[in-house]
Amino acid sequence: MLFTEADLFECCASRRWVKAVAGRRYRDLTELREAGAAALDDLDWPDVEEALAAHPRIGDRVGGWSRAEQSGMDGAAPDVRAALIEGNRAYEDRFGHVFLICATGRTAAEMLGDLRDRLGNDAEAERAVVRRELAKIVDLRLTRLAGERRS
């Protein structure tokens, strides 16, 4: 499997991550996922922030892969949507970047609960959570990308 930088940018919008993963042929999905994870581990915080800048807010009307990933927002009650909007603002004011969560398989209420819990984190603890969530998202997207190639 060989992927272009544009393909990989859809998985993670960190230019440093893309450069680390692009340009090599992967024998299988496992090798691709391992390379993606290793490249994420090597990112400095500004590289993570670059990736975060490409992620929409939870609850925004989105397209592409984010639409499927945020399907738990479908049918969310108006009060939950309003609380997510408010929570997103508070989170961004506190941490300076979008609230990132691997939304796949999560309901709006679950994501709201996590957002509220994570507002209590200090910056260092939250950065660790963000890295874990980004790793989950990237892994899912790499898996999806590889699956599209096999189709």
N, C-alpha and C. Protein backbone atom coordinates (compact mmCIF):
# COMPACT_ATOMS: atom_id res chain seq x y z
N MET A 1 0.84 -1.18 0.00
CA MET A 1 0.00 0.00 0.00
C MET A 1 0.89 1.24 0.00
N LEU A 2 0.54 2.16 -0.86
CA LEU A 2 1.26 3.42 -0.96
C LEU A 2 0.22 4.53 -0.97
N PHE A 3 0.45 5.57 -0.17
CA PHE A 3 -0.51 6.65 -0.04
C PHE A 3 0.16 7.98 -0.34
N THR A 4 -0.61 8.89 -0.92
CA THR A 4 -0.10 10.23 -1.20
C THR A 4 -0.16 11.07 0.07
N GLU A 5 0.55 12.17 0.05
CA GLU A 5 0.48 13.10 1.18
C GLU A 5 -0.94 13.61 1.35
N ALA A 6 -1.64 13.86 0.24
CA ALA A 6 -3.03 14.33 0.34
C ALA A 6 -3.92 13.29 1.03
N ASP A 7 -3.73 12.01 0.69
CA ASP A 7 -4.49 10.95 1.37
C ASP A 7 -4.24 10.99 2.87
N LEU A 8 -2.99 11.08 3.23
CA LEU A 8 -2.62 11.01 4.64
C LEU A 8 -3.01 12.26 5.41
N PHE A 9 -3.03 13.40 4.71
CA PHE A 9 -3.44 14.64 5.35
C PHE A 9 -4.88 14.55 5.84
N GLU A 10 -5.71 13.74 5.16
CA GLU A 10 -7.08 13.51 5.60
C GLU A 10 -7.13 12.73 6.91
N CYS A 11 -6.08 11.99 7.20
CA CYS A 11 -6.02 11.21 8.44
C CYS A 11 -5.48 12.03 9.60
N CYS A 12 -4.51 12.88 9.29
CA CYS A 12 -3.90 13.74 10.32
C CYS A 12 -3.31 14.95 9.62
N ALA A 13 -3.72 16.13 10.03
CA ALA A 13 -3.33 17.35 9.35
C ALA A 13 -2.03 17.96 9.87
N SER A 14 -1.21 17.17 10.51
CA SER A 14 0.13 17.62 10.89
C SER A 14 1.07 17.35 9.72
N ARG A 15 1.68 18.39 9.19
CA ARG A 15 2.61 18.21 8.07
C ARG A 15 3.77 17.30 8.46
N ARG A 16 4.23 17.43 9.68
CA ARG A 16 5.34 16.57 10.13
C ARG A 16 4.92 15.10 10.15
N TRP A 17 3.71 14.83 10.61
CA TRP A 17 3.20 13.45 10.63
C TRP A 17 3.08 12.92 9.21
N VAL A 18 2.50 13.72 8.31
CA VAL A 18 2.32 13.30 6.93
C VAL A 18 3.67 12.96 6.30
N LYS A 19 4.65 13.83 6.47
CA LYS A 19 5.97 13.58 5.88
C LYS A 19 6.59 12.30 6.43
N ALA A 20 6.35 12.00 7.70
CA ALA A 20 6.93 10.79 8.31
C ALA A 20 6.28 9.51 7.78
N VAL A 21 5.01 9.59 7.39
CA VAL A 21 4.27 8.39 6.99
C VAL A 21 4.23 8.22 5.47
N ALA A 22 4.29 9.32 4.74
CA ALA A 22 4.17 9.27 3.27
C ALA A 22 5.46 8.76 2.62
N GLY A 23 5.30 8.34 1.37
CA GLY A 23 6.47 8.03 0.57
C GLY A 23 7.05 6.65 0.77
N ARG A 24 6.35 5.82 1.48
CA ARG A 24 6.85 4.46 1.63
C ARG A 24 5.72 3.47 1.42
N ARG A 25 6.05 2.34 0.93
CA ARG A 25 5.06 1.29 0.65
C ARG A 25 4.91 0.44 1.91
N TYR A 26 3.65 0.20 2.29
CA TYR A 26 3.35 -0.60 3.48
C TYR A 26 2.86 -1.97 3.04
N ARG A 27 3.40 -3.00 3.67
CA ARG A 27 3.00 -4.38 3.33
C ARG A 27 1.55 -4.64 3.64
N ASP A 28 1.10 -4.07 4.77
CA ASP A 28 -0.26 -4.36 5.22
C ASP A 28 -0.74 -3.26 6.16
N LEU A 29 -1.97 -3.40 6.58
CA LEU A 29 -2.57 -2.40 7.47
C LEU A 29 -1.82 -2.30 8.79
N THR A 30 -1.38 -3.41 9.32
CA THR A 30 -0.65 -3.39 10.60
C THR A 30 0.59 -2.52 10.50
N GLU A 31 1.36 -2.68 9.44
CA GLU A 31 2.57 -1.88 9.27
C GLU A 31 2.22 -0.39 9.12
N LEU A 32 1.17 -0.09 8.38
CA LEU A 32 0.73 1.29 8.23
C LEU A 32 0.31 1.89 9.57
N ARG A 33 -0.48 1.16 10.32
CA ARG A 33 -0.94 1.65 11.62
C ARG A 33 0.23 1.85 12.58
N GLU A 34 1.18 0.96 12.56
CA GLU A 34 2.36 1.10 13.43
C GLU A 34 3.17 2.34 13.05
N ALA A 35 3.33 2.57 11.75
CA ALA A 35 4.06 3.75 11.30
C ALA A 35 3.32 5.03 11.71
N GLY A 36 2.00 5.02 11.56
CA GLY A 36 1.20 6.17 11.95
C GLY A 36 1.32 6.47 13.44
N ALA A 37 1.26 5.43 14.25
CA ALA A 37 1.36 5.60 15.71
C ALA A 37 2.75 6.10 16.10
N ALA A 38 3.79 5.55 15.49
CA ALA A 38 5.15 5.98 15.81
C ALA A 38 5.36 7.45 15.42
N ALA A 39 4.83 7.84 14.27
CA ALA A 39 4.97 9.23 13.84
C ALA A 39 4.22 10.17 14.79
N LEU A 40 3.05 9.75 15.28
CA LEU A 40 2.31 10.57 16.24
C LEU A 40 3.10 10.73 17.54
N ASP A 41 3.72 9.65 17.99
CA ASP A 41 4.50 9.71 19.23
C ASP A 41 5.65 10.71 19.13
N ASP A 42 6.15 10.92 17.91
CA ASP A 42 7.29 11.81 17.71
C ASP A 42 6.89 13.28 17.55
N LEU A 43 5.60 13.57 17.50
CA LEU A 43 5.17 14.95 17.29
C LEU A 43 5.41 15.81 18.52
N ASP A 44 5.86 17.02 18.27
CA ASP A 44 5.94 18.03 19.31
C ASP A 44 4.54 18.64 19.45
N TRP A 45 4.30 19.34 20.55
CA TRP A 45 2.98 19.91 20.78
C TRP A 45 2.53 20.85 19.65
N PRO A 46 3.39 21.72 19.09
CA PRO A 46 2.93 22.55 17.96
C PRO A 46 2.45 21.72 16.76
N ASP A 47 3.03 20.55 16.55
CA ASP A 47 2.56 19.67 15.48
C ASP A 47 1.17 19.13 15.79
N VAL A 48 0.94 18.80 17.05
CA VAL A 48 -0.39 18.34 17.48
C VAL A 48 -1.39 19.46 17.29
N GLU A 49 -1.01 20.68 17.68
CA GLU A 49 -1.91 21.82 17.50
C GLU A 49 -2.26 22.03 16.02
N GLU A 50 -1.30 21.81 15.14
CA GLU A 50 -1.57 21.92 13.71
C GLU A 50 -2.63 20.89 13.29
N ALA A 51 -2.52 19.69 13.80
CA ALA A 51 -3.52 18.65 13.50
C ALA A 51 -4.88 19.05 14.08
N LEU A 52 -4.89 19.58 15.29
CA LEU A 52 -6.14 19.98 15.94
C LEU A 52 -6.86 21.06 15.16
N ALA A 53 -6.12 21.94 14.54
CA ALA A 53 -6.72 23.06 13.81
C ALA A 53 -7.60 22.59 12.66
N ALA A 54 -7.39 21.37 12.18
CA ALA A 54 -8.18 20.84 11.07
C ALA A 54 -9.43 20.10 11.54
N HIS A 55 -9.59 19.92 12.84
CA HIS A 55 -10.74 19.19 13.36
C HIS A 55 -11.89 20.13 13.68
N PRO A 56 -13.09 19.76 13.26
CA PRO A 56 -14.26 20.59 13.58
C PRO A 56 -14.65 20.42 15.05
N ARG A 57 -15.40 21.36 15.54
CA ARG A 57 -15.95 21.24 16.89
C ARG A 57 -16.98 20.12 16.91
N ILE A 58 -17.05 19.44 18.03
CA ILE A 58 -18.10 18.45 18.23
C ILE A 58 -19.44 19.19 18.18
N GLY A 59 -20.31 18.69 17.34
CA GLY A 59 -21.63 19.30 17.21
C GLY A 59 -21.78 20.21 16.01
N ASP A 60 -20.65 20.63 15.40
CA ASP A 60 -20.76 21.43 14.18
C ASP A 60 -21.30 20.56 13.05
N ARG A 61 -21.97 21.17 12.12
CA ARG A 61 -22.41 20.45 10.92
C ARG A 61 -21.18 20.24 10.06
N VAL A 62 -20.82 18.99 9.83
CA VAL A 62 -19.58 18.68 9.14
C VAL A 62 -19.82 17.70 8.00
N GLY A 63 -18.83 17.57 7.15
CA GLY A 63 -18.87 16.61 6.06
C GLY A 63 -17.68 15.68 6.15
N GLY A 64 -17.46 14.90 5.10
CA GLY A 64 -16.31 14.00 5.05
C GLY A 64 -16.35 12.96 6.16
N TRP A 65 -15.17 12.52 6.53
CA TRP A 65 -15.07 11.49 7.56
C TRP A 65 -15.61 11.96 8.90
N SER A 66 -15.46 13.24 9.18
CA SER A 66 -15.96 13.76 10.47
C SER A 66 -17.46 13.58 10.59
N ARG A 67 -18.17 13.64 9.48
CA ARG A 67 -19.63 13.45 9.51
C ARG A 67 -19.99 12.07 10.06
N ALA A 68 -19.34 11.04 9.54
CA ALA A 68 -19.60 9.68 10.03
C ALA A 68 -19.11 9.51 11.46
N GLU A 69 -17.97 10.10 11.76
CA GLU A 69 -17.41 9.97 13.10
C GLU A 69 -18.29 10.62 14.16
N GLN A 70 -18.97 11.70 13.79
CA GLN A 70 -19.82 12.41 14.73
C GLN A 70 -21.29 12.01 14.60
N SER A 71 -21.55 10.84 14.06
CA SER A 71 -22.95 10.43 13.86
C SER A 71 -23.71 10.33 15.18
N GLY A 72 -23.01 10.25 16.30
CA GLY A 72 -23.67 10.25 17.60
C GLY A 72 -24.38 11.55 17.90
N MET A 73 -24.10 12.58 17.12
CA MET A 73 -24.78 13.87 17.28
C MET A 73 -26.15 13.86 16.63
N ASP A 74 -26.37 12.91 15.71
CA ASP A 74 -27.66 12.84 15.03
C ASP A 74 -28.76 12.64 16.06
N GLY A 75 -29.74 13.47 16.01
CA GLY A 75 -30.87 13.33 16.93
C GLY A 75 -30.59 13.79 18.35
N ALA A 76 -29.46 14.46 18.58
CA ALA A 76 -29.17 14.96 19.93
C ALA A 76 -30.22 15.99 20.33
N ALA A 77 -30.63 15.93 21.56
CA ALA A 77 -31.62 16.87 22.08
C ALA A 77 -31.07 18.30 22.00
N PRO A 78 -31.95 19.28 21.78
CA PRO A 78 -31.51 20.67 21.68
C PRO A 78 -30.71 21.14 22.91
N ASP A 79 -31.10 20.69 24.10
CA ASP A 79 -30.36 21.13 25.29
C ASP A 79 -28.94 20.55 25.31
N VAL A 80 -28.76 19.34 24.80
CA VAL A 80 -27.43 18.74 24.73
C VAL A 80 -26.58 19.48 23.69
N ARG A 81 -27.18 19.79 22.55
CA ARG A 81 -26.46 20.56 21.53
C ARG A 81 -26.03 21.93 22.08
N ALA A 82 -26.93 22.59 22.77
CA ALA A 82 -26.62 23.90 23.35
C ALA A 82 -25.50 23.78 24.39
N ALA A 83 -25.55 22.74 25.21
CA ALA A 83 -24.51 22.53 26.22
C ALA A 83 -23.16 22.23 25.57
N LEU A 84 -23.17 21.52 24.45
CA LEU A 84 -21.91 21.26 23.73
C LEU A 84 -21.33 22.54 23.15
N ILE A 85 -22.18 23.40 22.62
CA ILE A 85 -21.70 24.69 22.09
C ILE A 85 -21.05 25.49 23.21
N GLU A 86 -21.74 25.57 24.34
CA GLU A 86 -21.20 26.29 25.50
C GLU A 86 -19.93 25.64 26.00
N GLY A 87 -19.93 24.31 26.09
CA GLY A 87 -18.75 23.58 26.57
C GLY A 87 -17.56 23.74 25.64
N ASN A 88 -17.81 23.71 24.33
CA ASN A 88 -16.73 23.92 23.36
C ASN A 88 -16.07 25.28 23.58
N ARG A 89 -16.89 26.31 23.79
CA ARG A 89 -16.34 27.65 24.03
C ARG A 89 -15.49 27.68 25.30
N ALA A 90 -16.01 27.10 26.37
CA ALA A 90 -15.27 27.08 27.63
C ALA A 90 -13.96 26.31 27.48
N TYR A 91 -14.01 25.20 26.78
CA TYR A 91 -12.82 24.38 26.57
C TYR A 91 -11.77 25.16 25.77
N GLU A 92 -12.21 25.79 24.69
CA GLU A 92 -11.27 26.55 23.85
C GLU A 92 -10.68 27.73 24.61
N ASP A 93 -11.48 28.38 25.44
CA ASP A 93 -10.96 29.47 26.27
C ASP A 93 -9.92 28.95 27.25
N ARG A 94 -10.16 27.78 27.81
CA ARG A 94 -9.25 27.22 28.82
C ARG A 94 -7.96 26.67 28.20
N PHE A 95 -8.09 25.93 27.09
CA PHE A 95 -6.93 25.21 26.56
C PHE A 95 -6.38 25.77 25.24
N GLY A 96 -7.12 26.65 24.58
CA GLY A 96 -6.61 27.29 23.38
C GLY A 96 -6.71 26.49 22.09
N HIS A 97 -7.47 25.41 22.12
CA HIS A 97 -7.68 24.61 20.92
C HIS A 97 -9.01 23.88 21.03
N VAL A 98 -9.42 23.31 19.89
CA VAL A 98 -10.69 22.60 19.82
C VAL A 98 -10.69 21.39 20.77
N PHE A 99 -11.86 21.10 21.32
CA PHE A 99 -12.04 19.90 22.12
C PHE A 99 -12.00 18.71 21.18
N LEU A 100 -11.03 17.84 21.37
CA LEU A 100 -10.87 16.68 20.50
C LEU A 100 -11.24 15.42 21.26
N ILE A 101 -12.13 14.65 20.64
CA ILE A 101 -12.52 13.37 21.21
C ILE A 101 -12.78 12.42 20.05
N CYS A 102 -12.43 11.18 20.23
CA CYS A 102 -12.76 10.18 19.22
C CYS A 102 -14.26 9.92 19.37
N ALA A 103 -15.02 10.50 18.47
CA ALA A 103 -16.48 10.49 18.58
C ALA A 103 -17.13 9.22 18.06
N THR A 104 -16.37 8.40 17.36
CA THR A 104 -16.92 7.18 16.77
C THR A 104 -17.55 6.31 17.85
N GLY A 105 -18.84 5.99 17.63
CA GLY A 105 -19.55 5.13 18.57
C GLY A 105 -20.01 5.80 19.85
N ARG A 106 -19.83 7.11 19.96
CA ARG A 106 -20.20 7.85 21.17
C ARG A 106 -21.46 8.65 20.94
N THR A 107 -22.30 8.73 21.96
CA THR A 107 -23.49 9.58 21.88
C THR A 107 -23.11 11.01 22.22
N ALA A 108 -23.98 11.93 21.86
CA ALA A 108 -23.77 13.33 22.19
C ALA A 108 -23.66 13.52 23.70
N ALA A 109 -24.51 12.85 24.45
CA ALA A 109 -24.48 12.98 25.91
C ALA A 109 -23.17 12.46 26.49
N GLU A 110 -22.66 11.37 25.94
CA GLU A 110 -21.36 10.85 26.42
C GLU A 110 -20.24 11.84 26.14
N MET A 111 -20.25 12.41 24.93
CA MET A 111 -19.21 13.38 24.58
C MET A 111 -19.30 14.62 25.47
N LEU A 112 -20.51 15.05 25.75
CA LEU A 112 -20.70 16.20 26.63
C LEU A 112 -20.16 15.89 28.03
N GLY A 113 -20.44 14.71 28.53
CA GLY A 113 -19.91 14.32 29.84
C GLY A 113 -18.39 14.34 29.87
N ASP A 114 -17.77 13.82 28.81
CA ASP A 114 -16.31 13.84 28.74
C ASP A 114 -15.77 15.26 28.65
N LEU A 115 -16.44 16.09 27.87
CA LEU A 115 -16.01 17.48 27.75
C LEU A 115 -16.02 18.14 29.13
N ARG A 116 -17.11 17.97 29.84
CA ARG A 116 -17.22 18.58 31.17
C ARG A 116 -16.16 18.04 32.12
N ASP A 117 -15.91 16.74 32.07
CA ASP A 117 -14.87 16.15 32.92
C ASP A 117 -13.50 16.70 32.58
N ARG A 118 -13.22 16.81 31.30
CA ARG A 118 -11.90 17.24 30.87
C ARG A 118 -11.64 18.72 31.13
N LEU A 119 -12.69 19.50 31.30
CA LEU A 119 -12.48 20.91 31.67
C LEU A 119 -11.78 21.03 33.02
N GLY A 120 -11.85 20.01 33.82
CA GLY A 120 -11.17 20.01 35.12
C GLY A 120 -9.70 19.64 35.06
N ASN A 121 -9.23 19.20 33.90
CA ASN A 121 -7.81 18.82 33.75
C ASN A 121 -6.91 20.05 33.77
N ASP A 122 -5.67 19.84 34.23
CA ASP A 122 -4.68 20.88 34.02
C ASP A 122 -4.13 20.72 32.60
N ALA A 123 -3.36 21.67 32.13
CA ALA A 123 -2.90 21.67 30.74
C ALA A 123 -2.10 20.42 30.39
N GLU A 124 -1.24 19.98 31.27
CA GLU A 124 -0.41 18.81 30.99
C GLU A 124 -1.26 17.54 30.88
N ALA A 125 -2.17 17.36 31.80
CA ALA A 125 -3.05 16.18 31.75
C ALA A 125 -3.91 16.22 30.49
N GLU A 126 -4.40 17.39 30.14
CA GLU A 126 -5.25 17.49 28.95
C GLU A 126 -4.47 17.21 27.67
N ARG A 127 -3.24 17.66 27.62
CA ARG A 127 -2.43 17.36 26.44
C ARG A 127 -2.26 15.85 26.26
N ALA A 128 -2.09 15.15 27.34
CA ALA A 128 -1.95 13.68 27.26
C ALA A 128 -3.24 13.05 26.74
N VAL A 129 -4.40 13.55 27.22
CA VAL A 129 -5.68 13.04 26.73
C VAL A 129 -5.85 13.35 25.25
N VAL A 130 -5.52 14.55 24.85
CA VAL A 130 -5.64 14.95 23.44
C VAL A 130 -4.80 14.04 22.56
N ARG A 131 -3.59 13.75 22.98
CA ARG A 131 -2.72 12.87 22.19
C ARG A 131 -3.35 11.48 22.04
N ARG A 132 -3.93 10.96 23.11
CA ARG A 132 -4.58 9.63 23.04
C ARG A 132 -5.78 9.67 22.10
N GLU A 133 -6.58 10.72 22.20
CA GLU A 133 -7.77 10.84 21.34
C GLU A 133 -7.36 11.00 19.87
N LEU A 134 -6.33 11.81 19.62
CA LEU A 134 -5.84 11.99 18.26
C LEU A 134 -5.34 10.66 17.71
N ALA A 135 -4.64 9.89 18.53
CA ALA A 135 -4.13 8.59 18.09
C ALA A 135 -5.27 7.65 17.70
N LYS A 136 -6.36 7.67 18.47
CA LYS A 136 -7.52 6.83 18.13
C LYS A 136 -8.12 7.25 16.79
N ILE A 137 -8.28 8.55 16.61
CA ILE A 137 -8.87 9.07 15.37
C ILE A 137 -7.99 8.72 14.17
N VAL A 138 -6.70 8.96 14.29
CA VAL A 138 -5.79 8.68 13.18
C VAL A 138 -5.79 7.19 12.85
N ASP A 139 -5.79 6.36 13.86
CA ASP A 139 -5.81 4.92 13.62
C ASP A 139 -7.08 4.49 12.87
N LEU A 140 -8.22 5.01 13.29
CA LEU A 140 -9.47 4.70 12.60
C LEU A 140 -9.45 5.19 11.16
N ARG A 141 -8.91 6.37 10.94
CA ARG A 141 -8.87 6.92 9.59
C ARG A 141 -7.90 6.17 8.69
N LEU A 142 -6.77 5.77 9.24
CA LEU A 142 -5.84 4.96 8.44
C LEU A 142 -6.48 3.63 8.04
N THR A 143 -7.19 3.04 8.98
CA THR A 143 -7.88 1.79 8.69
C THR A 143 -8.91 2.00 7.59
N ARG A 144 -9.66 3.09 7.67
CA ARG A 144 -10.66 3.41 6.66
C ARG A 144 -9.99 3.68 5.30
N LEU A 145 -8.90 4.43 5.32
CA LEU A 145 -8.18 4.74 4.09
C LEU A 145 -7.67 3.47 3.42
N ALA A 146 -7.08 2.59 4.19
CA ALA A 146 -6.57 1.33 3.64
C ALA A 146 -7.73 0.49 3.09
N GLY A 147 -8.87 0.49 3.77
CA GLY A 147 -10.03 -0.25 3.30
C GLY A 147 -10.55 0.29 1.98
N GLU A 148 -10.51 1.61 1.81
CA GLU A 148 -10.95 2.21 0.55
C GLU A 148 -10.03 1.81 -0.59
N ARG A 149 -8.77 1.65 -0.30
CA ARG A 149 -7.80 1.25 -1.32
C ARG A 149 -8.04 -0.18 -1.79
N ARG A 150 -8.48 -1.02 -0.87
CA ARG A 150 -8.73 -2.42 -1.21
C ARG A 150 -10.04 -2.60 -1.98
N SER A 151 -10.93 -1.60 -1.88
CA SER A 151 -12.25 -1.71 -2.54
C SER A 151 -12.15 -1.51 -4.02
